[in-house]
C-alpha atoms as a PDB file:
ATOM      1  CA  MET A   1      43.980  11.026   9.062  1.00  0.00           C
ATOM      2  CA  SER A   2      43.269   8.069  11.341  1.00  0.00           C
ATOM      3  CA  GLN A   3      40.753   5.483  10.239  1.00  0.00           C
ATOM      4  CA  PRO A   4      37.694   4.637  12.381  1.00  0.00           C
ATOM      5  CA  THR A   5      38.316   1.734  14.735  1.00  0.00           C
ATOM      6  CA  ALA A   6      35.940  -0.768  16.274  1.00  0.00           C
ATOM      7  CA  THR A   7      35.522   1.589  19.235  1.00  0.00           C
ATOM      8  CA  THR A   8      35.221   4.758  17.133  1.00  0.00           C
ATOM      9  CA  PRO A   9      32.007   4.829  15.089  1.00  0.00           C
ATOM     10  CA  ALA A  10      32.393   6.127  11.554  1.00  0.00           C
ATOM     11  CA  GLN A  11      30.933   9.557  10.942  1.00  0.00           C
ATOM     12  CA  PRO A  12      28.113   9.869   8.385  1.00  0.00           C
ATOM     13  CA  ALA A  13      28.946  11.233   4.949  1.00  0.00           C
ATOM     14  CA  GLY A  14      27.100  13.217   2.298  1.00  0.00           C
ATOM     15  CA  THR A  15      23.463  14.044   2.933  1.00  0.00           C
ATOM     16  CA  GLU A  16      23.472  11.959   6.100  1.00  0.00           C
ATOM     17  CA  ALA A  17      26.261  14.152   7.484  1.00  0.00           C
ATOM     18  CA  LEU A  18      24.235  17.287   6.699  1.00  0.00           C
ATOM     19  CA  ALA A  19      21.189  15.849   8.433  1.00  0.00           C
ATOM     20  CA  ALA A  20      23.201  14.781  11.479  1.00  0.00           C
ATOM     21  CA  ALA A  21      24.715  18.263  11.746  1.00  0.00           C
ATOM     22  CA  ALA A  22      21.297  19.912  11.410  1.00  0.00           C
ATOM     23  CA  ARG A  23      19.935  17.549  14.049  1.00  0.00           C
ATOM     24  CA  SER A  24      22.692  18.610  16.431  1.00  0.00           C
ATOM     25  CA  VAL A  25      21.859  22.281  15.749  1.00  0.00           C
ATOM     26  CA  VAL A  26      18.189  21.727  16.574  1.00  0.00           C
ATOM     27  CA  ASP A  27      19.143  19.943  19.783  1.00  0.00           C
ATOM     28  CA  ALA A  28      21.564  22.728  20.752  1.00  0.00           C
ATOM     29  CA  VAL A  29      18.983  25.465  20.040  1.00  0.00           C
ATOM     30  CA  VAL A  30      16.456  23.850  22.375  1.00  0.00           C
ATOM     31  CA  ARG A  31      19.031  23.129  25.078  1.00  0.00           C
ATOM     32  CA  ALA A  32      20.506  26.646  24.956  1.00  0.00           C
ATOM     33  CA  GLY A  33      17.131  28.380  24.929  1.00  0.00           C
ATOM     34  CA  ASP A  34      17.226  31.958  26.234  1.00  0.00           C
ATOM     35  CA  HIS A  35      20.708  31.429  27.643  1.00  0.00           C
ATOM     36  CA  CYS A  36      22.052  32.322  24.196  1.00  0.00           C
ATOM     37  CA  ALA A  37      19.660  35.214  23.540  1.00  0.00           C
ATOM     38  CA  GLU A  38      22.416  37.835  23.241  1.00  0.00           C
ATOM     39  CA  ARG A  39      23.925  35.981  20.263  1.00  0.00           C
ATOM     40  CA  ALA A  40      20.683  34.756  18.745  1.00  0.00           C
ATOM     41  CA  ALA A  41      20.543  37.298  15.885  1.00  0.00           C
ATOM     42  CA  GLU A  42      24.145  36.644  14.846  1.00  0.00           C
ATOM     43  CA  LEU A  43      23.783  32.862  14.950  1.00  0.00           C
ATOM     44  CA  ALA A  44      20.432  32.991  13.125  1.00  0.00           C
ATOM     45  CA  ALA A  45      22.022  34.984  10.287  1.00  0.00           C
ATOM     46  CA  ARG A  46      24.744  32.352   9.922  1.00  0.00           C
ATOM     47  CA  LEU A  47      22.207  29.562   9.850  1.00  0.00           C
ATOM     48  CA  ARG A  48      20.102  31.391   7.268  1.00  0.00           C
ATOM     49  CA  ALA A  49      23.186  31.779   5.082  1.00  0.00           C
ATOM     50  CA  ILE A  50      23.708  28.014   5.202  1.00  0.00           C
ATOM     51  CA  ALA A  51      20.027  27.448   4.388  1.00  0.00           C
ATOM     52  CA  ASP A  52      20.322  29.791   1.397  1.00  0.00           C
ATOM     53  CA  GLU A  53      23.376  27.885   0.161  1.00  0.00           C
ATOM     54  CA  LEU A  54      21.525  24.588   0.408  1.00  0.00           C
ATOM     55  CA  ASP A  55      18.502  26.086  -1.313  1.00  0.00           C
ATOM     56  CA  ARG A  56      20.665  27.065  -4.278  1.00  0.00           C
ATOM     57  CA  CYS A  57      21.611  23.389  -4.655  1.00  0.00           C
ATOM     58  CA  ALA A  58      18.006  22.206  -4.578  1.00  0.00           C
ATOM     59  CA  PRO A  59      16.199  21.274  -7.811  1.00  0.00           C
ATOM     60  CA  PRO A  60      12.710  22.651  -8.571  1.00  0.00           C
ATOM     61  CA  LEU A  61      10.125  21.336  -6.124  1.00  0.00           C
ATOM     62  CA  GLU A  62       8.220  19.303  -8.718  1.00  0.00           C
ATOM     63  CA  GLU A  63      11.433  17.570  -9.744  1.00  0.00           C
ATOM     64  CA  ARG A  64      12.273  16.758  -6.147  1.00  0.00           C
ATOM     65  CA  LEU A  65       8.769  15.445  -5.470  1.00  0.00           C
ATOM     66  CA  GLY A  66       9.125  13.214  -8.505  1.00  0.00           C
ATOM     67  CA  GLU A  67      12.373  11.786  -7.135  1.00  0.00           C
ATOM     68  CA  MET A  68      10.777  11.164  -3.754  1.00  0.00           C
ATOM     69  CA  ARG A  69       8.034   9.043  -5.334  1.00  0.00           C
ATOM     70  CA  GLN A  70      10.682   6.364  -5.730  1.00  0.00           C
ATOM     71  CA  PHE A  71      10.503   4.283  -2.557  1.00  0.00           C
ATOM     72  CA  SER A  72      14.240   3.585  -2.511  1.00  0.00           C
ATOM     73  CA  ARG A  73      14.932   7.316  -2.350  1.00  0.00           C
ATOM     74  CA  SER A  74      12.118   8.319  -0.010  1.00  0.00           C
ATOM     75  CA  VAL A  75      13.222   5.860   2.706  1.00  0.00           C
ATOM     76  CA  LYS A  76      16.413   7.850   3.249  1.00  0.00           C
ATOM     77  CA  TYR A  77      14.336  10.939   4.098  1.00  0.00           C
ATOM     78  CA  ASN A  78      11.666   9.254   6.202  1.00  0.00           C
ATOM     79  CA  PRO A  79      10.794  11.462   9.229  1.00  0.00           C
ATOM     80  CA  VAL A  80      11.127   8.535  11.659  1.00  0.00           C
ATOM     81  CA  THR A  81      14.065   6.431  10.485  1.00  0.00           C
ATOM     82  CA  GLY A  82      15.598   8.392   7.605  1.00  0.00           C
ATOM     83  CA  PRO A  83      19.278   9.272   8.165  1.00  0.00           C
ATOM     84  CA  GLY A  84      18.921  12.058   5.579  1.00  0.00           C
ATOM     85  CA  ASN A  85      16.074  13.827   7.400  1.00  0.00           C
ATOM     86  CA  PRO A  86      17.059  16.225  10.225  1.00  0.00           C
ATOM     87  CA  PHE A  87      13.605  15.828  11.803  1.00  0.00           C
ATOM     88  CA  SER A  88      14.140  12.082  12.194  1.00  0.00           C
ATOM     89  CA  PRO A  89      15.527  11.060  15.645  1.00  0.00           C
ATOM     90  CA  PRO A  90      16.411   8.679  13.841  1.00  0.00           C
ATOM     91  CA  LEU A  91      14.789   5.468  15.093  1.00  0.00           C
ATOM     92  CA  ASP A  92      17.137   2.496  14.665  1.00  0.00           C
ATOM     93  CA  CYS A  93      14.698   0.066  13.092  1.00  0.00           C
ATOM     94  CA  THR A  94      15.140  -3.577  12.189  1.00  0.00           C
ATOM     95  CA  ASP A  95      12.619  -5.792  10.428  1.00  0.00           C
ATOM     96  CA  ARG A  96      14.178  -8.944  11.869  1.00  0.00           C
ATOM     97  CA  ASP A  97      11.692 -11.211  13.608  1.00  0.00           C
ATOM     98  CA  ASP A  98      13.856 -12.301  16.540  1.00  0.00           C
ATOM     99  CA  ALA A  99      10.859 -13.553  18.527  1.00  0.00           C
ATOM    100  CA  GLY A 100       9.521 -15.631  15.652  1.00  0.00           C
ATOM    101  CA  ASP A 101       6.023 -14.174  15.990  1.00  0.00           C
ATOM    102  CA  GLY A 102       6.140 -11.441  13.353  1.00  0.00           C
ATOM    103  CA  THR A 103       7.238  -8.707  15.772  1.00  0.00           C
ATOM    104  CA  VAL A 104       9.558  -5.984  14.443  1.00  0.00           C
ATOM    105  CA  ARG A 105      11.590  -3.721  16.716  1.00  0.00           C
ATOM    106  CA  GLY A 106      13.261  -0.353  16.838  1.00  0.00           C
ATOM    107  CA  ALA A 107      15.321   1.535  19.413  1.00  0.00           C
ATOM    108  CA  VAL A 108      15.617   5.255  20.027  1.00  0.00           C
ATOM    109  CA  ALA A 109      16.420   7.784  22.756  1.00  0.00           C
ATOM    110  CA  LEU A 110      14.665  11.141  22.389  1.00  0.00           C
ATOM    111  CA  GLY A 111      16.006  14.485  23.597  1.00  0.00           C
ATOM    112  CA  LEU A 112      14.545  17.911  24.359  1.00  0.00           C
ATOM    113  CA  PRO A 113      13.373  18.710  20.801  1.00  0.00           C
ATOM    114  CA  TYR A 114      10.767  15.948  21.257  1.00  0.00           C
ATOM    115  CA  GLN A 115       9.547  17.061  24.695  1.00  0.00           C
ATOM    116  CA  GLY A 116       5.856  17.477  25.509  1.00  0.00           C
ATOM    117  CA  PRO A 117       5.239  17.290  29.267  1.00  0.00           C
ATOM    118  CA  PRO A 118       8.399  18.408  31.136  1.00  0.00           C
ATOM    119  CA  GLY A 119      10.992  15.647  30.984  1.00  0.00           C
ATOM    120  CA  HIS A 120       8.831  13.433  28.781  1.00  0.00           C
ATOM    121  CA  VAL A 121       8.112  12.752  25.111  1.00  0.00           C
ATOM    122  CA  HIS A 122       5.276  14.571  23.321  1.00  0.00           C
ATOM    123  CA  GLY A 123       2.315  12.241  22.789  1.00  0.00           C
ATOM    124  CA  GLY A 124       2.215  13.055  19.089  1.00  0.00           C
ATOM    125  CA  ILE A 125       5.793  11.830  18.705  1.00  0.00           C
ATOM    126  CA  SER A 126       4.794   8.532  20.320  1.00  0.00           C
ATOM    127  CA  ALA A 127       1.989   8.264  17.771  1.00  0.00           C
ATOM    128  CA  LEU A 128       4.442   8.955  14.943  1.00  0.00           C
ATOM    129  CA  LEU A 129       6.769   6.180  16.130  1.00  0.00           C
ATOM    130  CA  MET A 130       3.887   3.738  16.476  1.00  0.00           C
ATOM    131  CA  ASP A 131       2.410   4.521  13.077  1.00  0.00           C
ATOM    132  CA  HIS A 132       5.760   3.983  11.384  1.00  0.00           C
ATOM    133  CA  MET A 133       6.614   0.726  13.140  1.00  0.00           C
ATOM    134  CA  MET A 134       3.192  -0.710  12.383  1.00  0.00           C
ATOM    135  CA  GLY A 135       3.783   0.108   8.729  1.00  0.00           C
ATOM    136  CA  VAL A 136       7.109  -1.726   8.896  1.00  0.00           C
ATOM    137  CA  ALA A 137       5.416  -4.769  10.444  1.00  0.00           C
ATOM    138  CA  ASN A 138       2.758  -4.804   7.739  1.00  0.00           C
ATOM    139  CA  GLY A 139       5.345  -4.483   5.012  1.00  0.00           C
ATOM    140  CA  ARG A 140       7.320  -7.384   6.439  1.00  0.00           C
ATOM    141  CA  ALA A 141       4.136  -9.472   6.527  1.00  0.00           C
ATOM    142  CA  GLY A 142       3.635  -8.727   2.829  1.00  0.00           C
ATOM    143  CA  VAL A 143       0.544  -6.553   3.321  1.00  0.00           C
ATOM    144  CA  PRO A 144       1.657  -2.889   3.196  1.00  0.00           C
ATOM    145  CA  GLY A 145      -1.169  -0.445   3.796  1.00  0.00           C
ATOM    146  CA  MET A 146      -2.179   3.125   4.525  1.00  0.00           C
ATOM    147  CA  THR A 147      -3.230   4.164   8.034  1.00  0.00           C
ATOM    148  CA  ALA A 148      -7.022   4.394   8.432  1.00  0.00           C
ATOM    149  CA  ARG A 149      -7.254   4.496  12.229  1.00  0.00           C
ATOM    150  CA  LEU A 150      -4.646   4.647  14.981  1.00  0.00           C
ATOM    151  CA  THR A 151      -5.657   4.191  18.636  1.00  0.00           C
ATOM    152  CA  LEU A 152      -3.133   4.746  21.427  1.00  0.00           C
ATOM    153  CA  ASP A 153      -3.318   4.072  25.158  1.00  0.00           C
ATOM    154  CA  TYR A 154      -0.845   6.177  27.137  1.00  0.00           C
ATOM    155  CA  HIS A 155      -0.177   4.133  30.274  1.00  0.00           C
ATOM    156  CA  ARG A 156       2.524   6.421  31.687  1.00  0.00           C
ATOM    157  CA  PRO A 157       4.627   9.366  30.431  1.00  0.00           C
ATOM    158  CA  VAL A 158       7.400   8.338  28.038  1.00  0.00           C
ATOM    159  CA  PRO A 159      10.786   9.513  29.401  1.00  0.00           C
ATOM    160  CA  LEU A 160      13.340  11.596  27.537  1.00  0.00           C
ATOM    161  CA  TYR A 161      16.997  10.517  27.336  1.00  0.00           C
ATOM    162  CA  GLN A 162      16.240   6.847  27.896  1.00  0.00           C
ATOM    163  CA  GLU A 163      16.530   4.145  25.258  1.00  0.00           C
ATOM    164  CA  LEU A 164      13.061   3.129  24.195  1.00  0.00           C
ATOM    165  CA  THR A 165      12.057  -0.100  22.499  1.00  0.00           C
ATOM    166  CA  VAL A 166       9.354   0.332  19.855  1.00  0.00           C
ATOM    167  CA  THR A 167       7.666  -2.847  18.671  1.00  0.00           C
ATOM    168  CA  ALA A 168       4.877  -3.694  16.230  1.00  0.00           C
ATOM    169  CA  ARG A 169       3.205  -6.847  14.974  1.00  0.00           C
ATOM    170  CA  HIS A 170       0.840  -7.574  12.108  1.00  0.00           C
ATOM    171  CA  ARG A 171      -2.125  -9.396  13.636  1.00  0.00           C
ATOM    172  CA  SER A 172      -4.584 -10.185  10.871  1.00  0.00           C
ATOM    173  CA  SER A 173      -5.889  -9.285   7.433  1.00  0.00           C
ATOM    174  CA  ASP A 174      -9.474  -9.311   6.220  1.00  0.00           C
ATOM    175  CA  GLY A 175      -9.642  -8.452   2.553  1.00  0.00           C
ATOM    176  CA  ARG A 176      -7.920  -5.078   2.267  1.00  0.00           C
ATOM    177  CA  LYS A 177      -8.252  -4.388   6.005  1.00  0.00           C
ATOM    178  CA  ILE A 178      -5.143  -4.946   8.128  1.00  0.00           C
ATOM    179  CA  LEU A 179      -5.015  -5.039  11.947  1.00  0.00           C
ATOM    180  CA  THR A 180      -1.708  -4.249  13.651  1.00  0.00           C
ATOM    181  CA  THR A 181      -0.612  -3.667  17.252  1.00  0.00           C
ATOM    182  CA  GLY A 182       2.440  -2.105  18.864  1.00  0.00           C
ATOM    183  CA  THR A 183       4.086  -0.827  22.039  1.00  0.00           C
ATOM    184  CA  ILE A 184       6.649   1.658  23.294  1.00  0.00           C
ATOM    185  CA  GLY A 185       8.503   0.522  26.386  1.00  0.00           C
ATOM    186  CA  ALA A 186      11.711   0.641  28.402  1.00  0.00           C
ATOM    187  CA  GLY A 187      13.132  -1.261  31.327  1.00  0.00           C
ATOM    188  CA  GLY A 188      10.410  -3.870  31.195  1.00  0.00           C
ATOM    189  CA  GLU A 189       7.646  -1.261  31.433  1.00  0.00           C
ATOM    190  CA  THR A 190       5.079  -0.518  28.713  1.00  0.00           C
ATOM    191  CA  TYR A 191       4.523   3.220  28.307  1.00  0.00           C
ATOM    192  CA  VAL A 192       2.297   3.198  25.236  1.00  0.00           C
ATOM    193  CA  SER A 193       0.259   0.500  23.520  1.00  0.00           C
ATOM    194  CA  ALA A 194      -1.455   0.949  20.187  1.00  0.00           C
ATOM    195  CA  GLU A 195      -3.771  -0.668  17.690  1.00  0.00           C
ATOM    196  CA  GLY A 196      -3.989   0.359  14.062  1.00  0.00           C
ATOM    197  CA  LEU A 197      -6.330  -0.304  11.182  1.00  0.00           C
ATOM    198  CA  PHE A 198      -4.624  -0.101   7.801  1.00  0.00           C
ATOM    199  CA  ILE A 199      -6.059  -0.396   4.308  1.00  0.00           C
ATOM    200  CA  GLN A 200      -4.153  -2.159   1.568  1.00  0.00           C
ATOM    201  CA  PRO A 201      -4.217   0.077  -1.539  1.00  0.00           C
ATOM    202  CA  ARG A 202      -5.581  -1.139  -4.841  1.00  0.00           C
ATOM    203  CA  THR A 203      -2.286  -0.189  -6.512  1.00  0.00           C
ATOM    204  CA  PRO A 204       1.204  -0.914  -5.101  1.00  0.00           C
ATOM    205  CA  LEU A 205       2.679   1.655  -2.683  1.00  0.00           C
ATOM    206  CA  ARG A 206       6.242   1.105  -3.907  1.00  0.00           C
ATOM    207  CA  GLU A 207       7.782   1.939  -7.236  1.00  0.00           C
END
């Protein structure tokens, strides 16, 4: 078997491979739509069989919830960036401050499963991306918090199938209150801008 080269990205393994495969199934279901209606029952039965097989591997729910309380494990299954979560796009997020002003950045292109208005991203998905990136910015600033209020301005519809840049920046802290801002943009245009109020918990968020 040939080894991955510099021009051939390595395929994910383990749980990440399962999530990537499930993600491709979701994308294919939405793209195929009613064009595959005559085979829908057959394909659904095959997918349910796979789900049953995975379910047999799963531990009791309480045990799994206990595992997921460990931050190092929960990150892998985050619904925005987690490579082990099929719902995650996933957003390619970095906490590097390239601009030197506390800004963190992520990049993602969203397909049909995330559509709201025809040809554009659902507004709730934009809010999800913003909420997550603001949390990353706060964590990098050393003041992780829980979302108390999230305000978004939708300047123009966010396009599907175009690489988006998602940014966030911790602005200030006042006691336990944290103010953070962010944007979603592409091609030099800002599609969404946001402001969030976060509250720093009395006990640490991470274990």
